């Protein structure tokens, strides 16, 4: 995943209809920004990880992880010394958290309650995405520099193996049955990993989808939702790789979340929209694009409250005639909460 630094796209509120729905009907989903949690602080950001058991949100912030109490709406603490941090994975079974540090090819192991570091593990170069696979009790980091994945035994805290990918990995998900799916951004494919054997057993092409980044899974219906850099979401059959739908999404996506109970997928987009995708009459369609804030391109879902959390900062106004993207106002970092 691309860590968000200074500069993101200009806000764009796009209204897409569901079939022949009228503008009034578009609003029936009820999603809107219901709250903002002001955090401030300097540094870019990347993955967001939600712990529904505690209501804590973990945010990768350049050289630390910020931990937000979403119930109280304030910062609960920080995990320091995480150089070039990209993401956080939680292993509730062991009461452990794992942080991918892209800057020094390591994983920080921490206590989710105290937020204290308990160990440090060396992995492949430039670890980016990181997930916990409960079926094999492993944490996997997806390493952009070495184009592979490092499997870590969650209980022992030791490296259990390496999965060769041969391409730049991005977002990843586990199906809970021993398979792990990961986007190969530069090949516009999804790799299917046998997590127990530490090998790729298949790859799925994405058709019209290019530069795959965000990935989520419907474990009940066995569907993958892939958000791509060319403003497409591709819905795949997780067991065969068949493309079931290709849908328009906002610009600048970097993450997808799926609400298993509601059957909805959400693409967070840097243009300031959250694309909501659902199934109607057996077909996947865009329900609407919910206005959020410019730069809010990463997200996490709380399955208990069904709220979606996004992160961004207030953009500076670009000087007349200036080239490049605008920067962000100092100390303006904020968590945007979307719900009903």
Foldseek 3Di string as FASTA:
>chain_A
DDWDAFFFDAADFDWDADPPDDPVQLCVVVKAFDDKQFDFDDATWAAWEADLVQCWIWIGGQFKIWIANVVVRYTPDIQGGQHQWADKEDDVVQQWIWIQRQVQQKIFIARVVVSYTDDIAHHDHRFHDWYAAPQQCWIWTQHQVQQKIWTANNNVRYTDDIEHHPAGWAEKDYLNNQWIWIARQQQQKIFIARNVVNYTPDIAHQVPAHRWHAWEAQNVQQWIWTAHQVQWIWIARNVPRDTQDIAGHEHAAHYKYAQNVVQWIWTAHQNQWIWIWHDDPRHIYTSTTYGGRHHFRYWDANNVQRKIKTKDFAWDDDPPPDDDGTTGDHRGIMITIMDD
